[in-house]
Amino acid sequence: MAAAGQVAAGEVAAGMPAGEGAARDAAMAAAVQPPLPFRHTPGYHALVLALGVWVAVMAAFVLHLPDPWWAGISAWMIGQAGQDRKAMLDKASMRFAGTIIGCILGFEIGGRLIGFGPLAVALVMSVVFWFATRKRFTSPHSYAWLVACLTFAMSVLGAVGNPADLAAFVVARGMEITVGILGTTLVVLLLAPPARPPGPQNAVKAPPGSVQAMEIEHVAIISAVTAPAIIGLVILLDLPSAMQIFVSSIAVTDRSLGTMQTKALQRLIGCVLGGVPGIVLALLLPGHLFPWSLALFTGMFLFTFLHQGDPKTSYFGTQAGIAFLMGLITGSGPPTSIGPVIERVIGIMLGVAILLLVTIVLKPLLAGRIRAGRHVVVETERA
């Protein structure tokens, strides 16, 4: 108020009537305000993202794709870039590139593994997981490496499980993910406002030999050990949904062991938070498109709000949204059976559990290396 009085007094002293100055200030303030300011609110973004997911899933239904939940998951993950169109397009392009690369490599290598035993598959998976995890946390195209690793694992498992349909499986999975990318990208570009440019962000790059670089190497080692561990446990215990177990274990990995364990626990909780209502709704809404669509839209709207909340807990919303989609979508249309749904949700939890088990077993050995590395750094600084 005091500042406004000073401005008005200055305008009067300069010969400008105070009323004209106030009108000019109001006009300038109105010009600064974006048109339709509600479009910049979290609620509007949640509406746009929920619509993008619904459009992607409906497109997958129309195309009769075998696993339309992958279209929904792709749309959900791409839309989490927020209202920053450039960030969303970058993420969409990396997911598309990673999908194509993973499908091609999975088709070529998976086809050559047909006829070999599980030991050969475990060895190939271990090497690929180790390499892709290192690149994921050292490359500026981290998300592309993550998606490539996921798609490669699914393609190889598809080759081993059903070699006669390998080509159809790879094409279908590529189409499902592409439909999800296009669906949410088009909706966001049409409805979301241009966001204010984000502030400068410095990429985290671990210098060679540093503790951070050692932790990335340790995470890569854990990923490499987890791959054969999953294959062995699936064979010995006849675990369901091996593909989802692999996907879940890859998705949880993080550049820090401590963060990875926290993320794994959040994934388990988010799986329950989204999977349970998804399964319940699949039971209550068999074969009814309109109420099922309304349930899908409402669930994604609410989980987007959770994802946009406190950064420390946003991963709950991320995972809950994934589990909700996998629980609610059972095939090329509204749900008719929940058996596959329950297996997929169990697969998510088993993948996290196996990764945590491998981490607990290896962490004491890896922690010793980190302590030794810190000791070397301290001695170097003293010198």
Protein backbone atom coordinates (compact mmCIF):
# COMPACT_ATOMS: atom_id res chain seq x y z
CA MET A 1 0.00 0.00 0.00
CA ALA A 2 2.83 2.38 0.85
CA ALA A 3 4.52 1.59 -2.44
CA ALA A 4 1.28 2.25 -4.31
CA GLY A 5 0.96 5.59 -2.57
CA GLN A 6 4.50 6.53 -3.53
CA VAL A 7 3.82 5.62 -7.16
CA ALA A 8 0.62 7.66 -7.21
CA ALA A 9 2.39 10.62 -5.62
CA GLY A 10 5.17 10.39 -8.20
CA GLU A 11 2.64 10.35 -11.02
CA VAL A 12 0.87 13.43 -9.64
CA ALA A 13 4.20 15.20 -9.29
CA ALA A 14 5.00 14.35 -12.87
CA GLY A 15 1.73 15.83 -14.06
CA MET A 16 -0.14 12.53 -14.58
CA PRO A 17 -3.50 12.20 -12.81
CA ALA A 18 -3.48 9.41 -10.23
CA GLY A 19 -6.57 7.81 -11.78
CA GLU A 20 -4.87 7.44 -15.16
CA GLY A 21 -1.80 5.88 -13.49
CA ALA A 22 -3.95 3.33 -11.68
CA ALA A 23 -5.77 2.46 -14.91
CA ARG A 24 -2.46 2.04 -16.71
CA ASP A 25 -1.15 -0.28 -13.97
CA ALA A 26 -4.30 -2.37 -14.09
CA ALA A 27 -4.01 -2.71 -17.87
CA MET A 28 -0.37 -3.76 -17.58
CA ALA A 29 -1.21 -6.33 -14.92
CA ALA A 30 -3.97 -7.76 -17.10
CA ALA A 31 -1.58 -7.99 -20.03
CA VAL A 32 0.91 -9.98 -17.93
CA GLN A 33 -1.77 -12.47 -16.82
CA PRO A 34 -1.97 -15.46 -19.19
CA PRO A 35 -5.28 -16.00 -21.00
CA LEU A 36 -7.45 -18.57 -19.26
CA PRO A 37 -5.25 -18.74 -16.14
CA PHE A 38 -6.96 -21.95 -14.95
CA ARG A 39 -5.04 -23.76 -17.70
CA HIS A 40 -1.88 -23.31 -15.65
CA THR A 41 -3.24 -25.06 -12.56
CA PRO A 42 -2.38 -28.62 -11.43
CA GLY A 43 -6.04 -29.56 -11.74
CA TYR A 44 -6.17 -28.65 -15.42
CA HIS A 45 -2.95 -30.56 -16.09
CA ALA A 46 -4.45 -33.60 -14.35
CA LEU A 47 -7.52 -33.36 -16.58
CA VAL A 48 -5.40 -33.12 -19.74
CA LEU A 49 -3.19 -36.05 -18.76
CA ALA A 50 -6.17 -38.23 -17.80
CA LEU A 51 -7.76 -37.45 -21.17
CA GLY A 52 -4.49 -38.29 -22.96
CA VAL A 53 -4.32 -41.69 -21.25
CA TRP A 54 -7.96 -42.41 -22.09
CA VAL A 55 -7.44 -41.47 -25.76
CA ALA A 56 -4.37 -43.72 -25.98
CA VAL A 57 -6.20 -46.69 -24.45
CA MET A 58 -9.26 -46.19 -26.70
CA ALA A 59 -6.98 -46.06 -29.76
CA ALA A 60 -5.37 -49.34 -28.66
CA PHE A 61 -8.86 -50.86 -28.32
CA VAL A 62 -9.86 -49.68 -31.80
CA LEU A 63 -6.66 -51.18 -33.28
CA HIS A 64 -7.29 -54.43 -31.36
CA LEU A 65 -3.80 -54.41 -29.88
CA PRO A 66 -3.26 -57.40 -27.57
CA ASP A 67 -1.93 -55.53 -24.50
CA PRO A 68 -3.51 -52.05 -24.51
CA TRP A 69 -2.33 -51.29 -20.97
CA TRP A 70 1.09 -50.63 -22.49
CA ALA A 71 -0.45 -47.80 -24.51
CA GLY A 72 -1.93 -46.40 -21.29
CA ILE A 73 1.34 -46.73 -19.38
CA SER A 74 3.29 -45.03 -22.18
CA ALA A 75 0.80 -42.16 -22.26
CA TRP A 76 0.93 -41.85 -18.47
CA MET A 77 4.74 -41.74 -18.33
CA ILE A 78 5.08 -39.26 -21.22
CA GLY A 79 2.51 -36.92 -19.71
CA GLN A 80 4.42 -36.70 -16.45
CA ALA A 81 6.77 -34.23 -18.11
CA GLY A 82 4.11 -31.70 -17.09
CA GLN A 83 3.04 -28.70 -19.13
CA ASP A 84 6.54 -28.10 -20.46
CA ARG A 85 5.95 -29.03 -24.09
CA LYS A 86 9.64 -29.28 -24.95
CA ALA A 87 10.30 -31.64 -22.03
CA MET A 88 7.31 -33.75 -23.07
CA LEU A 89 8.41 -33.92 -26.71
CA ASP A 90 11.95 -34.81 -25.63
CA LYS A 91 10.61 -37.59 -23.40
CA ALA A 92 8.27 -38.81 -26.13
CA SER A 93 11.09 -38.94 -28.70
CA MET A 94 13.36 -40.81 -26.29
CA ARG A 95 10.64 -43.33 -25.47
CA PHE A 96 9.95 -43.87 -29.17
CA ALA A 97 13.65 -44.26 -30.01
CA GLY A 98 14.22 -46.59 -27.05
CA THR A 99 11.21 -48.68 -28.08
CA ILE A 100 12.40 -49.09 -31.68
CA ILE A 101 15.96 -49.93 -30.64
CA GLY A 102 14.81 -52.39 -27.98
CA CYS A 103 12.39 -54.10 -30.36
CA ILE A 104 14.98 -54.48 -33.13
CA LEU A 105 17.73 -55.76 -30.83
CA GLY A 106 15.30 -57.99 -28.96
CA PHE A 107 14.03 -59.47 -32.22
CA GLU A 108 17.53 -60.13 -33.57
CA ILE A 109 19.12 -61.44 -30.37
CA GLY A 110 15.98 -63.13 -29.08
CA GLY A 111 15.60 -65.00 -32.37
CA ARG A 112 19.16 -66.30 -32.09
CA LEU A 113 18.56 -67.47 -28.52
CA ILE A 114 15.70 -69.76 -29.54
CA GLY A 115 16.78 -73.32 -28.84
CA PHE A 116 19.39 -72.36 -26.28
CA GLY A 117 18.84 -73.10 -22.60
CA PRO A 118 18.00 -70.61 -19.84
CA LEU A 119 21.68 -70.22 -18.98
CA ALA A 120 22.38 -68.53 -22.32
CA VAL A 121 19.37 -66.26 -21.91
CA ALA A 122 20.47 -65.34 -18.37
CA LEU A 123 23.98 -64.52 -19.57
CA VAL A 124 22.75 -62.27 -22.38
CA MET A 125 20.27 -60.53 -20.08
CA SER A 126 22.95 -59.98 -17.45
CA VAL A 127 25.36 -58.33 -19.90
CA VAL A 128 22.64 -56.13 -21.44
CA PHE A 129 21.29 -55.07 -18.03
CA TRP A 130 24.79 -54.14 -16.84
CA PHE A 131 25.59 -52.09 -19.95
CA ALA A 132 22.18 -50.39 -20.22
CA THR A 133 22.15 -49.45 -16.52
CA ARG A 134 25.57 -47.80 -16.79
CA LYS A 135 24.50 -45.86 -19.88
CA ARG A 136 21.19 -44.91 -18.27
CA PHE A 137 22.94 -43.06 -15.44
CA THR A 138 25.80 -41.56 -17.45
CA SER A 139 24.12 -40.56 -20.74
CA PRO A 140 22.08 -37.41 -21.44
CA HIS A 141 19.53 -39.76 -23.05
CA SER A 142 18.84 -41.66 -19.85
CA TYR A 143 15.15 -42.31 -20.54
CA ALA A 144 15.88 -43.79 -23.98
CA TRP A 145 18.30 -46.29 -22.42
CA LEU A 146 15.72 -47.25 -19.80
CA VAL A 147 13.00 -47.87 -22.39
CA ALA A 148 15.40 -49.73 -24.71
CA CYS A 149 16.38 -52.06 -21.87
CA LEU A 150 12.73 -52.67 -20.94
CA THR A 151 11.68 -53.38 -24.52
CA PHE A 152 14.70 -55.60 -25.16
CA ALA A 153 13.92 -57.71 -22.09
CA MET A 154 10.27 -58.09 -23.13
CA SER A 155 11.23 -59.03 -26.69
CA VAL A 156 13.76 -61.66 -25.60
CA LEU A 157 11.30 -63.19 -23.14
CA GLY A 158 8.68 -63.20 -25.88
CA ALA A 159 11.10 -65.04 -28.18
CA VAL A 160 11.91 -67.66 -25.56
CA GLY A 161 8.30 -68.11 -24.42
CA ASN A 162 6.62 -68.21 -27.84
CA PRO A 163 9.19 -68.25 -30.67
CA ALA A 164 6.59 -68.83 -33.40
CA ASP A 165 4.94 -65.46 -32.65
CA LEU A 166 8.11 -63.43 -32.04
CA ALA A 167 7.63 -61.07 -35.00
CA ALA A 168 3.96 -60.44 -34.14
CA PHE A 169 4.85 -59.86 -30.48
CA VAL A 170 7.58 -57.31 -31.27
CA VAL A 171 5.38 -55.44 -33.76
CA ALA A 172 2.43 -55.37 -31.34
CA ARG A 173 4.52 -54.12 -28.43
CA GLY A 174 6.07 -51.42 -30.59
CA MET A 175 2.62 -50.33 -31.79
CA GLU A 176 1.18 -50.28 -28.27
CA ILE A 177 3.92 -48.01 -26.97
CA THR A 178 3.80 -45.80 -30.08
CA VAL A 179 0.02 -45.38 -29.78
CA GLY A 180 0.46 -44.32 -26.15
CA ILE A 181 3.12 -41.78 -27.12
CA LEU A 182 1.04 -40.29 -29.93
CA GLY A 183 -2.20 -40.23 -27.94
CA THR A 184 -0.97 -38.23 -24.98
CA THR A 185 1.35 -36.04 -27.09
CA LEU A 186 -1.47 -34.89 -29.36
CA VAL A 187 -3.83 -34.21 -26.45
CA VAL A 188 -1.23 -32.22 -24.51
CA LEU A 189 -0.18 -30.22 -27.57
CA LEU A 190 -3.80 -29.38 -28.34
CA LEU A 191 -5.02 -28.55 -24.84
CA ALA A 192 -2.08 -27.70 -22.60
CA PRO A 193 -0.83 -24.09 -22.61
CA PRO A 194 2.79 -23.26 -23.42
CA ALA A 195 4.60 -23.42 -20.11
CA ARG A 196 7.01 -20.84 -18.82
CA PRO A 197 10.54 -21.91 -19.72
CA PRO A 198 12.17 -23.81 -16.84
CA GLY A 199 15.23 -22.48 -15.10
CA PRO A 200 18.67 -23.79 -15.99
CA GLN A 201 19.27 -27.38 -14.92
CA ASN A 202 22.73 -28.77 -14.54
CA ALA A 203 23.12 -32.42 -15.48
CA VAL A 204 24.60 -34.56 -12.72
CA LYS A 205 27.78 -36.09 -14.07
CA ALA A 206 29.86 -38.26 -11.80
CA PRO A 207 33.62 -37.82 -12.34
CA PRO A 208 35.50 -41.09 -13.01
CA GLY A 209 36.74 -42.67 -9.78
CA SER A 210 34.35 -40.68 -7.59
CA VAL A 211 32.03 -42.21 -5.03
CA GLN A 212 29.06 -41.32 -7.26
CA ALA A 213 30.65 -43.16 -10.20
CA MET A 214 31.27 -46.17 -7.97
CA GLU A 215 27.62 -46.21 -6.88
CA ILE A 216 26.49 -46.20 -10.52
CA GLU A 217 28.80 -49.13 -11.18
CA HIS A 218 27.39 -50.93 -8.16
CA VAL A 219 23.81 -50.40 -9.36
CA ALA A 220 24.86 -51.84 -12.74
CA ILE A 221 26.32 -54.88 -10.97
CA ILE A 222 23.09 -55.37 -9.02
CA SER A 223 21.10 -55.19 -12.27
CA ALA A 224 23.42 -57.72 -13.88
CA VAL A 225 22.97 -60.15 -10.97
CA THR A 226 19.21 -59.57 -10.77
CA ALA A 227 18.59 -60.75 -14.35
CA PRO A 228 19.82 -64.36 -13.87
CA ALA A 229 18.33 -64.39 -10.36
CA ILE A 230 14.89 -63.70 -11.84
CA ILE A 231 15.29 -66.38 -14.50
CA GLY A 232 16.41 -68.93 -11.91
CA LEU A 233 13.57 -68.15 -9.50
CA VAL A 234 10.95 -68.17 -12.26
CA ILE A 235 12.09 -71.65 -13.32
CA LEU A 236 12.49 -73.08 -9.82
CA LEU A 237 9.32 -71.63 -8.27
CA ASP A 238 7.17 -71.35 -11.41
CA LEU A 239 6.56 -67.65 -10.70
CA PRO A 240 3.82 -65.91 -12.72
CA SER A 241 4.29 -63.01 -15.13
CA ALA A 242 8.05 -63.28 -15.71
CA MET A 243 7.93 -60.36 -18.14
CA GLN A 244 6.42 -58.03 -15.56
CA ILE A 245 8.98 -59.18 -12.96
CA PHE A 246 11.78 -58.09 -15.29
CA VAL A 247 10.11 -54.78 -16.13
CA SER A 248 9.53 -53.95 -12.47
CA SER A 249 13.12 -54.72 -11.45
CA ILE A 250 14.52 -52.53 -14.24
CA ALA A 251 12.21 -49.60 -13.50
CA VAL A 252 13.17 -49.42 -9.81
CA THR A 253 16.93 -49.11 -10.32
CA ASP A 254 18.43 -45.76 -9.36
CA ARG A 255 21.89 -44.21 -9.39
CA SER A 256 22.11 -44.45 -5.57
CA LEU A 257 21.65 -47.66 -3.57
CA GLY A 258 19.85 -45.81 -0.77
CA THR A 259 17.49 -44.07 -3.19
CA MET A 260 16.90 -47.34 -5.01
CA GLN A 261 15.77 -49.09 -1.83
CA THR A 262 13.43 -46.20 -0.98
CA LYS A 263 12.07 -46.23 -4.52
CA ALA A 264 11.48 -49.98 -4.33
CA LEU A 265 9.45 -49.64 -1.15
CA GLN A 266 7.45 -46.78 -2.67
CA ARG A 267 6.78 -48.94 -5.73
CA LEU A 268 5.40 -51.71 -3.53
CA ILE A 269 3.12 -49.30 -1.66
CA GLY A 270 2.07 -47.57 -4.89
CA CYS A 271 1.32 -50.97 -6.43
CA VAL A 272 -1.16 -51.69 -3.64
CA LEU A 273 -2.53 -48.13 -3.75
CA GLY A 274 -3.33 -48.31 -7.45
CA GLY A 275 -3.62 -52.03 -8.10
CA VAL A 276 -6.31 -52.79 -5.51
CA PRO A 277 -8.86 -50.21 -6.74
CA GLY A 278 -8.03 -51.16 -10.34
CA ILE A 279 -8.82 -54.82 -9.68
CA VAL A 280 -11.96 -53.98 -7.68
CA LEU A 281 -13.26 -51.76 -10.49
CA ALA A 282 -12.44 -54.46 -13.05
CA LEU A 283 -14.64 -56.81 -11.04
CA LEU A 284 -17.49 -54.32 -10.72
CA LEU A 285 -17.52 -53.02 -14.31
CA PRO A 286 -17.21 -56.01 -16.65
CA GLY A 287 -18.10 -55.18 -20.24
CA HIS A 288 -19.50 -51.68 -19.62
CA LEU A 289 -17.53 -49.11 -21.61
CA PHE A 290 -18.95 -45.82 -20.29
CA PRO A 291 -18.64 -46.46 -16.51
CA TRP A 292 -15.31 -48.18 -17.13
CA SER A 293 -14.05 -45.13 -19.05
CA LEU A 294 -15.25 -42.85 -16.26
CA ALA A 295 -13.38 -44.98 -13.71
CA LEU A 296 -10.21 -44.88 -15.84
CA PHE A 297 -10.40 -41.11 -16.27
CA THR A 298 -11.11 -40.46 -12.57
CA GLY A 299 -8.31 -42.74 -11.38
CA MET A 300 -5.70 -41.16 -13.63
CA PHE A 301 -6.88 -37.68 -12.60
CA LEU A 302 -6.43 -38.49 -8.89
CA PHE A 303 -3.07 -40.23 -9.31
CA THR A 304 -1.77 -37.28 -11.35
CA PHE A 305 -2.54 -35.06 -8.36
CA LEU A 306 -0.59 -37.44 -6.13
CA HIS A 307 2.32 -37.46 -8.57
CA GLN A 308 2.40 -33.64 -8.66
CA GLY A 309 2.56 -33.38 -4.86
CA ASP A 310 5.58 -33.58 -2.59
CA PRO A 311 8.64 -34.68 -4.66
CA LYS A 312 9.59 -37.06 -1.85
CA THR A 313 6.38 -39.03 -2.35
CA SER A 314 5.57 -38.34 -6.00
CA TYR A 315 6.77 -41.82 -6.98
CA PHE A 316 3.81 -43.24 -5.03
CA GLY A 317 1.56 -41.52 -7.57
CA THR A 318 3.69 -42.68 -10.50
CA GLN A 319 3.56 -46.33 -9.50
CA ALA A 320 -0.06 -46.17 -8.36
CA GLY A 321 -1.04 -44.91 -11.81
CA ILE A 322 0.84 -47.77 -13.51
CA ALA A 323 -0.69 -50.40 -11.21
CA PHE A 324 -4.15 -48.88 -11.66
CA LEU A 325 -3.85 -49.16 -15.45
CA MET A 326 -2.61 -52.73 -15.25
CA GLY A 327 -5.40 -53.60 -12.84
CA LEU A 328 -8.24 -52.00 -14.76
CA ILE A 329 -7.22 -52.93 -18.34
CA THR A 330 -7.37 -56.66 -19.05
CA GLY A 331 -7.53 -56.90 -22.83
CA SER A 332 -8.82 -55.21 -25.99
CA GLY A 333 -11.85 -53.71 -24.24
CA PRO A 334 -13.48 -53.39 -20.83
CA PRO A 335 -12.50 -56.21 -18.45
CA THR A 336 -13.95 -59.68 -18.76
CA SER A 337 -11.55 -61.55 -16.45
CA ILE A 338 -9.22 -60.45 -13.66
CA GLY A 339 -6.94 -63.51 -13.61
CA PRO A 340 -4.24 -61.94 -15.83
CA VAL A 341 -4.58 -58.67 -13.90
CA ILE A 342 -3.77 -60.29 -10.57
CA GLU A 343 -0.76 -62.04 -12.13
CA ARG A 344 0.60 -58.76 -13.50
CA VAL A 345 0.24 -56.97 -10.17
CA ILE A 346 1.93 -59.90 -8.42
CA GLY A 347 4.68 -59.69 -11.04
CA ILE A 348 5.31 -56.03 -10.17
CA MET A 349 5.71 -56.89 -6.49
CA LEU A 350 7.92 -59.93 -7.18
CA GLY A 351 10.25 -57.87 -9.38
CA VAL A 352 10.73 -55.33 -6.60
CA ALA A 353 11.18 -58.06 -3.99
CA ILE A 354 13.86 -59.89 -6.00
CA LEU A 355 15.74 -56.66 -6.68
CA LEU A 356 15.63 -55.78 -2.96
CA LEU A 357 16.87 -59.26 -2.06
CA VAL A 358 19.83 -59.00 -4.44
CA THR A 359 20.59 -55.50 -3.12
CA ILE A 360 20.54 -56.68 0.51
CA VAL A 361 22.89 -59.56 -0.30
CA LEU A 362 25.39 -57.47 -2.30
CA LYS A 363 25.19 -54.18 -0.40
CA PRO A 364 27.73 -55.11 2.34
CA LEU A 365 30.33 -55.99 -0.30
CA LEU A 366 29.61 -52.89 -2.37
CA ALA A 367 29.55 -50.63 0.70
CA GLY A 368 33.08 -51.80 1.52
CA ARG A 369 34.27 -50.64 -1.89
CA ILE A 370 32.62 -47.23 -1.36
CA ARG A 371 34.30 -46.81 2.04
CA ALA A 372 37.64 -47.67 0.47
CA GLY A 373 37.00 -45.16 -2.31
CA ARG A 374 36.17 -42.42 0.17
CA HIS A 375 39.35 -43.19 2.08
CA VAL A 376 41.38 -42.81 -1.11
CA VAL A 377 39.67 -39.45 -1.85
CA VAL A 378 40.43 -38.16 1.65
CA GLU A 379 44.07 -39.22 1.44
CA THR A 380 44.38 -37.58 -1.98
CA GLU A 381 42.93 -34.31 -0.68
CA ARG A 382 45.32 -34.33 2.27
CA ALA A 383 48.26 -34.83 -0.04
